[in-house]
Protein backbone atom coordinates (compact mmCIF):
# COMPACT_ATOMS: atom_id res chain seq x y z
CA MET A 1 -19.65 2.68 26.03
CA GLU A 2 -21.65 5.53 24.53
CA GLU A 3 -21.35 5.79 20.77
CA PRO A 4 -19.84 9.16 19.77
CA GLY A 5 -21.63 11.64 17.48
CA GLN A 6 -21.00 11.79 13.75
CA LEU A 7 -18.42 14.59 13.85
CA LYS A 8 -16.57 13.05 16.79
CA ARG A 9 -16.69 9.63 15.12
CA ALA A 10 -15.19 11.06 11.94
CA ALA A 11 -12.40 12.73 13.96
CA ILE A 12 -11.66 9.43 15.74
CA ASP A 13 -11.54 7.47 12.47
CA ALA A 14 -9.38 10.10 10.73
CA THR A 15 -6.91 10.39 13.62
CA ALA A 16 -6.67 6.65 14.23
CA GLY A 17 -6.26 6.05 10.49
CA ALA A 18 -3.48 8.63 10.22
CA VAL A 19 -1.63 7.16 13.21
CA ALA A 20 -2.00 3.60 11.89
CA GLY A 21 -0.83 4.59 8.42
CA GLY A 22 2.18 6.51 9.71
CA ILE A 23 3.36 3.66 11.94
CA SER A 24 2.87 1.03 9.23
CA ARG A 25 4.64 3.04 6.52
CA THR A 26 7.67 3.85 8.67
CA VAL A 27 8.08 0.25 9.86
CA THR A 28 7.90 -1.22 6.35
CA SER A 29 9.76 1.52 4.43
CA PRO A 30 12.93 -0.56 3.75
CA LEU A 31 10.90 -3.26 1.99
CA ASP A 32 9.00 -0.61 0.05
CA VAL A 33 12.21 1.00 -1.21
CA ILE A 34 13.55 -2.38 -2.41
CA LYS A 35 10.22 -3.17 -4.06
CA ILE A 36 10.21 0.15 -5.95
CA ARG A 37 13.81 -0.35 -7.15
CA PHE A 38 12.78 -3.72 -8.61
CA GLN A 39 9.58 -2.39 -10.19
CA VAL A 40 11.23 0.48 -12.06
CA GLN A 41 14.16 -1.63 -13.30
CA LEU A 42 13.64 -2.64 -16.93
CA GLU A 43 16.28 -5.37 -16.76
CA PRO A 44 15.56 -8.76 -15.10
CA THR A 45 15.49 -8.71 -11.29
CA SER A 46 16.61 -12.28 -10.65
CA SER A 47 19.93 -13.94 -11.42
CA TRP A 48 18.26 -17.02 -12.96
CA ALA A 49 16.45 -14.82 -15.50
CA LEU A 50 19.79 -13.43 -16.67
CA LEU A 51 20.95 -16.93 -17.62
CA GLY A 52 18.03 -17.61 -19.92
CA GLY A 53 17.96 -14.46 -22.04
CA ASP A 54 20.08 -12.28 -24.28
CA ILE A 55 20.65 -9.33 -21.99
CA SER A 56 22.71 -6.49 -23.44
CA ARG A 57 23.35 -4.74 -20.15
CA PRO A 58 23.79 -6.02 -16.58
CA SER A 59 21.03 -5.71 -14.00
CA LYS A 60 21.59 -3.43 -11.06
CA TYR A 61 19.46 -5.49 -8.66
CA THR A 62 19.13 -9.27 -8.97
CA GLY A 63 17.74 -10.34 -5.61
CA MET A 64 16.54 -9.06 -2.25
CA LEU A 65 19.76 -9.79 -0.36
CA GLN A 66 21.94 -8.31 -3.12
CA ALA A 67 19.70 -5.22 -3.36
CA THR A 68 19.78 -4.75 0.41
CA LYS A 69 23.57 -4.94 0.46
CA ASP A 70 23.95 -2.55 -2.48
CA ILE A 71 21.57 0.07 -1.10
CA PHE A 72 23.24 -0.07 2.31
CA ARG A 73 26.76 0.16 0.83
CA GLU A 74 25.96 3.01 -1.58
CA GLU A 75 23.39 5.02 0.36
CA GLY A 76 23.75 3.98 3.99
CA LEU A 77 20.97 3.10 6.39
CA ALA A 78 19.09 6.28 5.45
CA GLY A 79 18.68 4.90 1.92
CA PHE A 80 16.04 2.48 3.18
CA TRP A 81 13.91 5.41 4.33
CA ARG A 82 14.40 7.49 1.18
CA GLY A 83 11.18 9.30 0.35
CA ASN A 84 9.65 8.49 3.74
CA VAL A 85 8.56 12.10 4.38
CA PRO A 86 6.34 12.32 1.28
CA ALA A 87 5.32 8.72 2.01
CA LEU A 88 4.04 9.82 5.42
CA LEU A 89 2.41 12.89 3.89
CA MET A 90 0.71 10.48 1.50
CA VAL A 91 -0.20 7.59 3.75
CA MET A 92 -1.45 9.58 6.75
CA PRO A 93 -4.17 11.47 4.85
CA TYR A 94 -4.74 8.34 2.76
CA THR A 95 -5.55 6.12 5.73
CA ALA A 96 -7.39 8.97 7.48
CA ILE A 97 -9.68 9.45 4.46
CA GLN A 98 -9.95 5.71 3.89
CA PHE A 99 -11.12 4.76 7.38
CA THR A 100 -13.39 7.81 7.67
CA VAL A 101 -15.14 7.11 4.35
CA LEU A 102 -15.23 3.39 5.17
CA HIS A 103 -17.02 4.00 8.47
CA ARG A 104 -19.49 6.38 6.83
CA LEU A 105 -20.32 3.90 4.04
CA ARG A 106 -20.75 1.05 6.50
CA THR A 107 -22.98 3.24 8.66
CA TYR A 108 -25.24 3.87 5.67
CA ALA A 109 -25.22 0.19 4.70
CA SER A 110 -25.93 -1.18 8.19
CA GLY A 111 -28.18 1.63 9.45
CA SER A 112 -26.02 1.90 12.57
CA SER A 113 -22.89 3.85 13.46
CA LYS A 114 -21.75 1.18 15.93
CA THR A 115 -18.60 -0.64 14.85
CA GLU A 116 -19.82 -3.96 16.25
CA ASP A 117 -22.82 -3.80 13.88
CA HIS A 118 -20.56 -3.28 10.85
CA ILE A 119 -19.01 -6.72 11.25
CA LYS A 120 -22.45 -8.18 10.49
CA LEU A 121 -22.48 -6.71 6.99
CA SER A 122 -22.41 -9.18 4.10
CA PRO A 123 -18.98 -9.86 2.54
CA TYR A 124 -20.22 -8.19 -0.65
CA LEU A 125 -20.88 -4.88 1.14
CA SER A 126 -17.55 -5.14 2.96
CA TYR A 127 -15.72 -5.47 -0.36
CA VAL A 128 -17.64 -2.62 -2.03
CA SER A 129 -17.26 -0.19 0.87
CA GLY A 130 -13.55 -0.98 1.11
CA ALA A 131 -13.08 -0.38 -2.64
CA LEU A 132 -14.93 2.96 -2.61
CA ALA A 133 -13.01 4.13 0.47
CA GLY A 134 -9.75 3.21 -1.23
CA CYS A 135 -10.66 5.23 -4.35
CA ALA A 136 -11.51 8.33 -2.30
CA ALA A 137 -8.27 8.06 -0.32
CA THR A 138 -6.17 7.55 -3.47
CA VAL A 139 -7.45 10.66 -5.24
CA GLY A 140 -6.93 12.76 -2.10
CA SER A 141 -3.30 11.74 -1.51
CA TYR A 142 -1.93 10.74 -4.92
CA PRO A 143 0.64 13.54 -5.60
CA PHE A 144 2.57 12.53 -2.47
CA ASP A 145 2.57 8.90 -3.64
CA LEU A 146 4.05 10.02 -6.96
CA VAL A 147 6.84 12.05 -5.33
CA ARG A 148 7.56 9.25 -2.85
CA THR A 149 8.06 6.79 -5.75
CA ILE A 150 10.38 9.18 -7.58
CA LEU A 151 12.53 9.89 -4.51
CA ALA A 152 12.69 6.20 -3.55
CA SER A 153 13.68 5.09 -7.06
CA GLN A 154 16.37 7.63 -7.93
CA GLY A 155 19.33 6.13 -6.02
CA GLU A 156 22.70 7.92 -6.02
CA PRO A 157 23.60 10.49 -7.18
CA LYS A 158 20.30 12.13 -6.37
CA VAL A 159 18.36 13.83 -9.13
CA TYR A 160 16.07 15.56 -6.68
CA PRO A 161 17.67 16.41 -3.31
CA THR A 162 14.37 17.43 -1.71
CA MET A 163 10.66 16.80 -2.01
CA ARG A 164 10.13 20.43 -2.99
CA SER A 165 12.56 20.18 -5.93
CA ALA A 166 10.77 17.06 -7.17
CA PHE A 167 7.36 18.76 -6.99
CA SER A 168 8.67 21.85 -8.79
CA ASP A 169 10.30 19.90 -11.61
CA ILE A 170 7.25 17.69 -12.16
CA VAL A 171 4.96 20.70 -12.46
CA ARG A 172 7.47 22.51 -14.71
CA THR A 173 8.05 19.59 -17.10
CA ARG A 174 4.70 17.77 -17.00
CA GLY A 175 2.30 20.41 -15.77
CA PHE A 176 -0.22 19.97 -12.94
CA ARG A 177 -1.50 16.78 -14.58
CA GLY A 178 1.98 15.34 -14.07
CA LEU A 179 1.24 15.09 -10.34
CA TYR A 180 -1.40 12.52 -11.22
CA ALA A 181 0.66 10.45 -13.69
CA GLY A 182 -0.35 6.81 -13.31
CA LEU A 183 -3.62 7.60 -11.53
CA SER A 184 -5.71 5.42 -13.89
CA PRO A 185 -3.90 2.13 -13.20
CA THR A 186 -3.80 3.13 -9.53
CA LEU A 187 -7.57 3.45 -9.35
CA VAL A 188 -7.99 0.21 -11.31
CA GLU A 189 -5.61 -1.42 -8.84
CA ILE A 190 -7.08 0.10 -5.68
CA VAL A 191 -10.63 -1.14 -6.34
CA PRO A 192 -9.74 -4.86 -6.06
CA TYR A 193 -6.88 -4.18 -3.63
CA ALA A 194 -8.83 -2.16 -1.05
CA GLY A 195 -11.90 -4.33 -1.60
CA LEU A 196 -9.92 -7.51 -1.00
CA GLN A 197 -8.00 -6.04 1.92
CA PHE A 198 -11.02 -4.83 3.87
CA GLY A 199 -13.35 -7.59 2.69
CA THR A 200 -10.98 -10.42 3.63
CA TYR A 201 -10.07 -8.67 6.89
CA ASP A 202 -13.75 -8.53 7.88
CA THR A 203 -14.21 -12.15 6.81
CA PHE A 204 -11.22 -13.39 8.81
CA LYS A 205 -12.28 -11.25 11.77
CA ARG A 206 -15.77 -12.75 11.60
CA TRP A 207 -14.26 -16.25 11.53
CA ALA A 208 -12.14 -15.40 14.57
CA MET A 209 -15.20 -14.23 16.50
CA THR A 210 -17.09 -17.40 15.53
CA TRP A 211 -14.14 -19.52 16.66
CA ASN A 212 -13.97 -17.64 19.98
CA GLN A 213 -17.69 -18.15 20.51
CA TYR A 214 -17.37 -21.87 19.74
CA ARG A 215 -14.38 -22.24 22.05
CA SER A 216 -16.01 -20.38 24.96
CA SER A 217 -19.20 -22.44 24.64
CA SER A 218 -17.26 -25.72 24.50
CA LEU A 219 -15.30 -24.69 27.58
CA SER A 220 -18.45 -23.51 29.36
CA SER A 221 -16.77 -20.18 29.85
CA ILE A 222 -18.67 -17.40 31.59
CA ASN A 223 -16.75 -14.83 29.57
CA THR A 224 -19.21 -13.41 26.99
CA ASP A 225 -16.62 -11.29 25.18
CA ASN A 226 -15.95 -13.14 21.94
CA GLY A 227 -14.11 -10.28 20.27
CA PRO A 228 -10.83 -11.12 18.52
CA SER A 229 -7.61 -10.89 20.51
CA SER A 230 -4.69 -8.67 19.52
CA PHE A 231 -2.92 -11.68 18.03
CA GLN A 232 -6.00 -12.67 16.03
CA LEU A 233 -6.35 -9.10 14.71
CA PHE A 234 -2.68 -9.21 13.68
CA VAL A 235 -3.17 -12.53 11.83
CA CYS A 236 -6.34 -11.24 10.13
CA GLY A 237 -4.50 -8.13 8.92
CA LEU A 238 -1.54 -10.28 7.84
CA ALA A 239 -3.74 -12.54 5.72
CA ALA A 240 -5.76 -9.64 4.27
CA GLY A 241 -2.66 -7.72 3.18
CA THR A 242 -1.07 -10.79 1.59
CA CYS A 243 -4.17 -11.80 -0.40
CA ALA A 244 -4.72 -8.29 -1.73
CA LYS A 245 -1.10 -7.77 -2.78
CA LEU A 246 -0.73 -11.09 -4.60
CA VAL A 247 -3.76 -10.36 -6.79
CA CYS A 248 -3.02 -6.71 -7.60
CA HIS A 249 0.78 -6.55 -7.95
CA PRO A 250 0.98 -6.26 -11.79
CA LEU A 251 -1.08 -3.06 -11.72
CA ASP A 252 1.25 -1.67 -9.06
CA VAL A 253 4.20 -2.29 -11.41
CA VAL A 254 2.41 -0.40 -14.19
CA LYS A 255 1.65 2.47 -11.83
CA LYS A 256 5.31 2.79 -10.84
CA ARG A 257 6.40 2.85 -14.50
CA PHE A 258 4.05 5.73 -15.25
CA GLN A 259 5.20 7.59 -12.16
CA ILE A 260 8.89 7.56 -13.12
CA GLU A 261 8.49 8.16 -16.87
CA GLY A 262 11.29 10.44 -18.11
CA LEU A 263 13.05 10.53 -14.74
CA PRO A 264 16.82 11.02 -15.24
CA ARG A 265 18.77 8.23 -13.54
CA HIS A 266 22.43 7.32 -13.32
CA PRO A 267 23.39 4.74 -16.03
CA LYS A 268 24.45 2.23 -13.37
CA TYR A 269 20.75 1.71 -12.57
CA GLY A 270 20.11 0.50 -16.13
CA ALA A 271 17.75 1.77 -18.79
CA ARG A 272 15.29 4.41 -17.74
CA VAL A 273 11.61 4.59 -18.62
CA GLU A 274 11.49 7.22 -21.36
CA HIS A 275 8.80 9.89 -21.49
CA ARG A 276 5.58 8.59 -23.07
CA SER A 277 6.90 5.04 -23.24
CA TYR A 278 3.38 3.75 -22.69
CA LYS A 279 0.20 5.05 -24.33
CA ASN A 280 -2.12 3.83 -21.60
CA MET A 281 -2.48 1.17 -18.93
CA TYR A 282 -3.29 -1.65 -21.35
CA ASP A 283 -0.38 -0.69 -23.61
CA ALA A 284 1.93 -0.72 -20.60
CA LEU A 285 0.76 -4.20 -19.57
CA ASN A 286 1.28 -5.51 -23.10
CA ARG A 287 4.71 -3.92 -23.55
CA ILE A 288 5.98 -5.17 -20.19
CA LEU A 289 4.66 -8.63 -21.00
CA GLN A 290 6.29 -8.64 -24.45
CA CYS A 291 9.65 -7.17 -23.44
CA GLU A 292 10.08 -8.59 -19.92
CA GLY A 293 7.75 -11.59 -19.82
CA TRP A 294 5.39 -12.55 -17.01
CA ALA A 295 8.26 -12.02 -14.57
CA GLY A 296 8.21 -8.34 -15.53
CA LEU A 297 4.67 -7.94 -14.23
CA TYR A 298 5.74 -9.45 -10.91
CA LYS A 299 8.99 -7.58 -10.38
CA GLY A 300 9.32 -6.82 -6.69
CA ILE A 301 6.67 -9.38 -5.71
CA VAL A 302 8.84 -10.92 -2.98
CA PRO A 303 9.58 -7.71 -1.01
CA SER A 304 6.08 -6.49 -1.87
CA THR A 305 4.42 -9.56 -0.34
CA ILE A 306 6.79 -9.59 2.62
CA LYS A 307 5.95 -5.90 3.14
CA ALA A 308 2.19 -6.22 2.53
CA ALA A 309 1.67 -8.80 5.27
CA PRO A 310 3.15 -6.82 8.20
CA ALA A 311 1.92 -3.52 6.72
CA GLY A 312 -1.66 -4.78 6.69
CA ALA A 313 -1.31 -6.32 10.13
CA VAL A 314 0.28 -3.22 11.71
CA THR A 315 -2.26 -0.89 10.06
CA PHE A 316 -5.33 -2.78 11.26
CA VAL A 317 -4.01 -3.46 14.76
CA ALA A 318 -2.81 0.13 15.23
CA PHE A 319 -6.14 1.45 13.95
CA GLU A 320 -8.16 -0.77 16.28
CA PHE A 321 -6.09 0.25 19.32
CA ALA A 322 -5.93 3.95 18.43
CA SER A 323 -9.65 4.03 17.69
CA ASP A 324 -10.57 2.32 20.98
CA TRP A 325 -8.23 4.60 22.95
CA LEU A 326 -9.57 7.78 21.32
CA GLN A 327 -13.14 6.66 21.81
CA SER A 328 -12.49 5.92 25.48
CA ILE A 329 -11.12 9.42 26.19
CA LEU A 330 -13.64 11.31 24.06
CA THR A 331 -16.82 9.61 25.27
């Protein structure tokens, strides 16, 4: 198949990335909403933690099943997709920018624009290009991530009925810089997260191709196509998403706390994060550790990990298929 030109290649990567991101975000939205509710809750998020400490107020959410039941009872099925519109407006340009920048960086590093040549890059270059692509995508789409977090965390009764009202109030109360609240821990998080996600994905994909080559040679197969199957791509994405999320989750908790600082919430959801509660990222990590323990830095880790695995798998598989399909009709 003829390799498309630079402009056409960028359009393919951007479109395939946007499609992959949109599908992945919509499929995993319920787990993301539960994760956010846990992360912004100052009280313990597990029933066993309540038994061991002197807690002055009850926790709203104490487990995945209980949180799922409560959200469904109080907000209906739509509650699990709360904030999905700004989430799509965030994740579609995010993944579009991410995969476009990623392909460009790998083209420079490998000296070739062919995707099959990019898999030959060293793991180090795979990690670095993934991290840089993640940073570029984060800066370009961050305000929508902020609004998505606020809408997903507010519960009932709603503080902001629409995305527009949330944007307006943030700009009015915090200024334009308020749209980038929590950007620092996000960038610190995205470097290892995107690096691990893309680096481990490439590593697992390379292992799958080596295994296919070994299997075809041992079976004396005449089939020379050793590319990974759809199932192997899904498993590679699953493993990549899980590894990245487990390492970077504490920084995601800090980011969420900065994003919802000063947000009015109904008292039934517990204490709110007051405005300027944390001086900076390191102060936030220390305060959470002191007040909530190590468990505080891993609030929402269960739904987050459960979400990260299929999200990574769906994103990579959808991107591979969308990219191949677009390339086939445009070349």
